[in-house]
N, C-alpha and C. Protein backbone atom coordinates (compact mmCIF):
# COMPACT_ATOMS: atom_id res chain seq x y z
N UNK A 1 -2.46 11.78 -18.12
CA UNK A 1 -3.66 11.05 -17.75
C UNK A 1 -3.26 9.91 -16.82
N UNK A 2 -3.96 9.79 -15.71
CA UNK A 2 -3.60 8.79 -14.72
C UNK A 2 -4.12 7.41 -15.12
N UNK A 3 -3.63 6.42 -14.41
CA UNK A 3 -4.04 5.04 -14.65
C UNK A 3 -5.55 4.89 -14.42
N UNK A 4 -6.06 5.56 -13.42
CA UNK A 4 -7.48 5.44 -13.10
C UNK A 4 -8.33 5.98 -14.24
N UNK A 5 -8.00 7.18 -14.74
CA UNK A 5 -8.80 7.79 -15.78
C UNK A 5 -8.62 7.11 -17.13
N UNK A 6 -7.44 6.56 -17.40
CA UNK A 6 -7.23 5.89 -18.67
C UNK A 6 -8.03 4.60 -18.76
N UNK A 7 -8.37 4.00 -17.63
CA UNK A 7 -9.17 2.78 -17.62
C UNK A 7 -10.65 3.09 -17.59
N UNK A 8 -11.01 4.37 -17.45
CA UNK A 8 -12.42 4.72 -17.41
C UNK A 8 -13.06 4.47 -16.06
N UNK A 9 -12.24 4.24 -15.01
CA UNK A 9 -12.78 3.96 -13.69
C UNK A 9 -12.81 5.19 -12.82
N UNK A 10 -13.12 4.97 -11.57
CA UNK A 10 -13.16 6.07 -10.61
C UNK A 10 -12.01 5.89 -9.63
N UNK A 11 -12.00 6.70 -8.61
CA UNK A 11 -10.93 6.62 -7.61
C UNK A 11 -11.16 5.47 -6.63
N UNK A 12 -12.30 4.83 -6.66
CA UNK A 12 -12.59 3.77 -5.71
C UNK A 12 -11.64 2.58 -5.77
N UNK A 13 -11.27 2.06 -6.94
CA UNK A 13 -10.34 0.93 -6.93
C UNK A 13 -9.00 1.27 -6.28
N UNK A 14 -8.47 2.48 -6.51
CA UNK A 14 -7.22 2.87 -5.89
C UNK A 14 -7.39 3.03 -4.39
N UNK A 15 -8.48 3.63 -3.95
CA UNK A 15 -8.74 3.78 -2.52
C UNK A 15 -8.86 2.42 -1.85
N UNK A 16 -9.55 1.49 -2.49
CA UNK A 16 -9.67 0.14 -1.94
C UNK A 16 -8.32 -0.56 -1.88
N UNK A 17 -7.51 -0.37 -2.91
CA UNK A 17 -6.19 -1.00 -2.93
C UNK A 17 -5.30 -0.41 -1.84
N UNK A 18 -5.38 0.90 -1.62
CA UNK A 18 -4.61 1.53 -0.54
C UNK A 18 -4.99 0.93 0.81
N UNK A 19 -6.28 0.74 1.04
CA UNK A 19 -6.75 0.14 2.29
C UNK A 19 -6.22 -1.29 2.42
N UNK A 20 -6.29 -2.06 1.33
CA UNK A 20 -5.82 -3.44 1.35
C UNK A 20 -4.32 -3.53 1.58
N UNK A 21 -3.55 -2.59 1.00
CA UNK A 21 -2.09 -2.56 1.20
C UNK A 21 -1.78 -2.32 2.67
N UNK A 22 -2.44 -1.34 3.28
CA UNK A 22 -2.18 -1.05 4.69
C UNK A 22 -2.54 -2.23 5.58
N UNK A 23 -3.63 -2.91 5.27
CA UNK A 23 -4.01 -4.09 6.04
C UNK A 23 -2.99 -5.21 5.87
N UNK A 24 -2.50 -5.39 4.67
CA UNK A 24 -1.54 -6.47 4.40
C UNK A 24 -0.20 -6.21 5.07
N UNK A 25 0.23 -4.96 5.10
CA UNK A 25 1.54 -4.66 5.68
C UNK A 25 1.58 -4.89 7.18
N UNK A 26 0.54 -4.53 7.89
CA UNK A 26 0.59 -4.65 9.34
C UNK A 26 1.77 -3.86 9.87
N UNK A 27 2.61 -4.49 10.68
CA UNK A 27 3.79 -3.82 11.23
C UNK A 27 5.09 -4.33 10.61
N UNK A 28 4.99 -5.05 9.51
CA UNK A 28 6.18 -5.62 8.88
C UNK A 28 6.68 -4.74 7.74
N UNK A 29 7.95 -4.89 7.40
CA UNK A 29 8.51 -4.30 6.19
C UNK A 29 8.45 -5.39 5.11
N UNK A 30 7.84 -5.05 3.97
CA UNK A 30 7.66 -6.04 2.91
C UNK A 30 7.94 -5.42 1.55
N UNK A 31 8.42 -6.24 0.63
CA UNK A 31 8.60 -5.79 -0.76
C UNK A 31 7.25 -5.83 -1.47
N UNK A 32 7.18 -5.21 -2.64
CA UNK A 32 5.94 -5.19 -3.42
C UNK A 32 5.39 -6.58 -3.69
N UNK A 33 6.24 -7.52 -4.19
CA UNK A 33 5.72 -8.87 -4.43
C UNK A 33 5.21 -9.56 -3.16
N UNK A 34 5.86 -9.32 -2.02
CA UNK A 34 5.40 -9.91 -0.77
C UNK A 34 4.07 -9.31 -0.33
N UNK A 35 3.90 -8.00 -0.53
CA UNK A 35 2.63 -7.35 -0.23
C UNK A 35 1.53 -7.96 -1.10
N UNK A 36 1.83 -8.14 -2.38
CA UNK A 36 0.84 -8.71 -3.30
C UNK A 36 0.44 -10.12 -2.88
N UNK A 37 1.44 -10.95 -2.51
CA UNK A 37 1.13 -12.31 -2.06
C UNK A 37 0.24 -12.30 -0.82
N UNK A 38 0.56 -11.42 0.13
CA UNK A 38 -0.24 -11.33 1.35
C UNK A 38 -1.66 -10.89 1.04
N UNK A 39 -1.81 -9.91 0.15
CA UNK A 39 -3.15 -9.44 -0.24
C UNK A 39 -3.92 -10.54 -0.93
N UNK A 40 -3.24 -11.29 -1.77
CA UNK A 40 -3.89 -12.38 -2.50
C UNK A 40 -4.34 -13.47 -1.54
N UNK A 41 -3.49 -13.81 -0.57
CA UNK A 41 -3.85 -14.82 0.43
C UNK A 41 -5.08 -14.37 1.21
N UNK A 42 -5.10 -13.10 1.59
CA UNK A 42 -6.23 -12.58 2.35
C UNK A 42 -7.50 -12.58 1.52
N UNK A 43 -7.41 -12.20 0.24
CA UNK A 43 -8.62 -12.12 -0.58
C UNK A 43 -9.15 -13.51 -0.92
N UNK A 44 -8.26 -14.49 -1.03
CA UNK A 44 -8.72 -15.86 -1.28
C UNK A 44 -9.37 -16.42 -0.02
N UNK A 45 -8.79 -16.10 1.15
CA UNK A 45 -9.34 -16.58 2.40
C UNK A 45 -10.60 -15.85 2.83
N UNK A 46 -10.77 -14.61 2.34
CA UNK A 46 -11.92 -13.79 2.72
C UNK A 46 -12.60 -13.30 1.46
N UNK A 47 -13.74 -13.83 1.15
CA UNK A 47 -14.43 -13.52 -0.11
C UNK A 47 -14.82 -12.05 -0.22
N UNK A 48 -14.86 -11.30 0.88
CA UNK A 48 -15.25 -9.89 0.80
C UNK A 48 -14.17 -9.06 0.12
N UNK A 49 -12.92 -9.47 0.14
CA UNK A 49 -11.84 -8.70 -0.47
C UNK A 49 -11.85 -8.75 -1.98
N UNK A 50 -12.48 -9.76 -2.58
CA UNK A 50 -12.47 -9.90 -4.03
C UNK A 50 -13.58 -9.08 -4.67
N UNK A 51 -14.66 -8.82 -3.98
CA UNK A 51 -15.81 -8.16 -4.56
C UNK A 51 -15.70 -6.65 -4.64
N UNK A 52 -14.56 -6.06 -4.31
CA UNK A 52 -14.47 -4.60 -4.31
C UNK A 52 -13.94 -4.04 -5.62
N UNK A 53 -14.02 -4.78 -6.70
CA UNK A 53 -13.62 -4.27 -8.00
C UNK A 53 -12.23 -4.65 -8.43
N UNK A 54 -11.42 -5.20 -7.54
CA UNK A 54 -10.07 -5.62 -7.86
C UNK A 54 -9.99 -7.12 -7.65
N UNK A 55 -9.66 -7.83 -8.69
CA UNK A 55 -9.58 -9.29 -8.60
C UNK A 55 -8.34 -9.70 -7.82
N UNK A 56 -8.37 -10.91 -7.26
CA UNK A 56 -7.28 -11.40 -6.41
C UNK A 56 -5.96 -11.47 -7.16
N UNK A 57 -5.96 -11.71 -8.46
CA UNK A 57 -4.73 -11.85 -9.21
C UNK A 57 -4.31 -10.59 -9.95
N UNK A 58 -4.97 -9.46 -9.72
CA UNK A 58 -4.72 -8.22 -10.45
C UNK A 58 -3.76 -7.32 -9.69
N UNK A 59 -2.64 -6.95 -10.33
CA UNK A 59 -1.65 -6.08 -9.71
C UNK A 59 -1.72 -4.65 -10.24
N UNK A 60 -2.73 -4.33 -11.03
CA UNK A 60 -2.78 -3.03 -11.71
C UNK A 60 -2.71 -1.85 -10.77
N UNK A 61 -3.27 -1.96 -9.58
CA UNK A 61 -3.31 -0.82 -8.66
C UNK A 61 -2.32 -0.95 -7.51
N UNK A 62 -1.54 -2.04 -7.44
CA UNK A 62 -0.64 -2.25 -6.31
C UNK A 62 0.41 -1.16 -6.21
N UNK A 63 1.18 -0.94 -7.26
CA UNK A 63 2.26 0.04 -7.17
C UNK A 63 1.75 1.48 -7.16
N UNK A 64 0.68 1.82 -7.88
CA UNK A 64 0.12 3.17 -7.67
C UNK A 64 -0.33 3.38 -6.22
N UNK A 65 -0.88 2.35 -5.60
CA UNK A 65 -1.31 2.47 -4.20
C UNK A 65 -0.09 2.63 -3.29
N UNK A 66 0.95 1.82 -3.50
CA UNK A 66 2.16 1.93 -2.69
C UNK A 66 2.78 3.32 -2.83
N UNK A 67 2.88 3.81 -4.05
CA UNK A 67 3.51 5.11 -4.28
C UNK A 67 2.67 6.25 -3.72
N UNK A 68 1.35 6.16 -3.82
CA UNK A 68 0.53 7.24 -3.28
C UNK A 68 0.55 7.23 -1.75
N UNK A 69 0.60 6.05 -1.14
CA UNK A 69 0.72 5.98 0.32
C UNK A 69 2.07 6.52 0.78
N UNK A 70 3.11 6.29 -0.01
CA UNK A 70 4.43 6.84 0.31
C UNK A 70 4.41 8.37 0.18
N UNK A 71 3.76 8.87 -0.87
CA UNK A 71 3.66 10.32 -1.07
C UNK A 71 2.85 10.98 0.04
N UNK A 72 1.86 10.27 0.57
CA UNK A 72 1.05 10.78 1.68
C UNK A 72 1.73 10.58 3.03
N UNK A 73 2.94 10.05 3.01
CA UNK A 73 3.75 9.81 4.20
C UNK A 73 3.10 8.81 5.16
N UNK A 74 2.33 7.88 4.60
CA UNK A 74 1.75 6.81 5.42
C UNK A 74 2.64 5.57 5.37
N UNK A 75 3.51 5.50 4.35
CA UNK A 75 4.49 4.41 4.22
C UNK A 75 5.88 5.00 4.12
N UNK A 76 6.85 4.22 4.54
CA UNK A 76 8.25 4.57 4.36
C UNK A 76 8.88 3.47 3.52
N UNK A 77 9.59 3.86 2.47
CA UNK A 77 10.23 2.89 1.59
C UNK A 77 11.75 2.97 1.78
N UNK A 78 12.38 1.81 1.84
CA UNK A 78 13.84 1.74 1.95
C UNK A 78 14.35 0.71 0.96
N UNK A 79 15.58 0.88 0.54
CA UNK A 79 16.20 -0.08 -0.37
C UNK A 79 16.95 -1.12 0.45
N UNK A 80 16.68 -2.39 0.17
CA UNK A 80 17.34 -3.51 0.84
C UNK A 80 18.11 -4.33 -0.18
N UNK A 81 19.33 -4.78 0.16
CA UNK A 81 20.07 -5.63 -0.78
C UNK A 81 19.41 -7.00 -0.88
N UNK A 82 19.46 -7.57 -2.08
CA UNK A 82 18.93 -8.93 -2.24
C UNK A 82 20.08 -9.89 -2.52
N UNK A 83 19.79 -11.17 -2.59
CA UNK A 83 20.82 -12.21 -2.73
C UNK A 83 21.55 -12.13 -4.06
N UNK A 84 20.94 -11.57 -5.10
CA UNK A 84 21.55 -11.51 -6.41
C UNK A 84 22.47 -10.31 -6.62
N UNK A 85 22.72 -9.53 -5.58
CA UNK A 85 23.59 -8.38 -5.69
C UNK A 85 22.86 -7.10 -6.04
N UNK A 86 21.57 -7.17 -6.30
CA UNK A 86 20.78 -5.99 -6.59
C UNK A 86 20.14 -5.46 -5.32
N UNK A 87 19.10 -4.68 -5.49
CA UNK A 87 18.38 -4.19 -4.32
C UNK A 87 16.89 -4.13 -4.63
N UNK A 88 16.09 -4.18 -3.58
CA UNK A 88 14.63 -4.15 -3.71
C UNK A 88 14.10 -3.14 -2.71
N UNK A 89 12.97 -2.55 -3.06
CA UNK A 89 12.32 -1.61 -2.15
C UNK A 89 11.45 -2.37 -1.18
N UNK A 90 11.56 -2.02 0.08
CA UNK A 90 10.70 -2.58 1.12
C UNK A 90 9.87 -1.44 1.69
N UNK A 91 8.62 -1.72 1.93
CA UNK A 91 7.67 -0.73 2.42
C UNK A 91 7.27 -1.06 3.84
N UNK A 92 7.17 -0.05 4.67
CA UNK A 92 6.76 -0.21 6.07
C UNK A 92 5.82 0.94 6.41
N UNK A 93 4.80 0.62 7.21
CA UNK A 93 3.89 1.66 7.68
C UNK A 93 4.64 2.61 8.60
N UNK A 94 4.37 3.89 8.45
CA UNK A 94 4.94 4.88 9.37
C UNK A 94 4.10 4.91 10.63
N UNK A 95 4.77 5.07 11.74
CA UNK A 95 4.05 5.23 12.99
C UNK A 95 3.64 6.69 13.10
N UNK A 96 2.40 6.94 13.49
CA UNK A 96 1.98 8.34 13.64
C UNK A 96 2.74 9.00 14.78
N UNK A 97 3.11 10.25 14.58
CA UNK A 97 3.80 10.99 15.62
C UNK A 97 2.81 11.38 16.70
N UNK A 98 3.28 11.40 17.94
CA UNK A 98 2.36 11.81 19.00
C UNK A 98 2.02 13.29 18.82
N UNK A 99 0.81 13.64 19.16
CA UNK A 99 0.40 15.03 19.03
C UNK A 99 0.98 15.85 20.17
N UNK A 100 1.25 17.12 19.88
CA UNK A 100 1.79 18.02 20.89
C UNK A 100 0.67 18.52 21.79
N UNK A 101 0.99 18.79 23.05
CA UNK A 101 -0.03 19.40 23.92
C UNK A 101 -0.45 20.75 23.34
N UNK A 102 -1.65 21.16 23.66
CA UNK A 102 -2.20 22.39 23.10
C UNK A 102 -1.32 23.60 23.35
N UNK A 103 -0.65 23.67 24.47
CA UNK A 103 0.18 24.82 24.80
C UNK A 103 1.39 24.92 23.90
N UNK A 104 1.84 23.80 23.33
CA UNK A 104 3.05 23.82 22.51
C UNK A 104 2.77 24.01 21.04
N UNK A 105 1.50 23.92 20.62
CA UNK A 105 1.16 24.07 19.22
C UNK A 105 1.29 25.51 18.79
N UNK A 106 1.70 25.70 17.54
CA UNK A 106 1.75 27.05 16.98
C UNK A 106 0.40 27.41 16.42
N UNK A 107 0.08 28.68 16.45
CA UNK A 107 -1.21 29.10 15.89
C UNK A 107 -1.06 29.68 14.51
């Protein structure tokens, strides 16, 4: 049973969180906590971001959204070393590949 169904909700909160994650990332590589901080700053500065069912301080859908975007190949995750000798995952938006001309496409 997924997180969405166990809470009795629909797919809308996850879809909204995916949209908010992509907006927060922009063209930067960021760790999960940095993405959350950016999303929180945006939702506090813009009242429309809080009214979509996910509160500004709620992280319940952040990592499911990051992982589903990675599975959909919209994000790329890499491991970066941190100051404490460990490592953290950083997420970056993938650039869409240019489309092939019609003559080169396979049928």
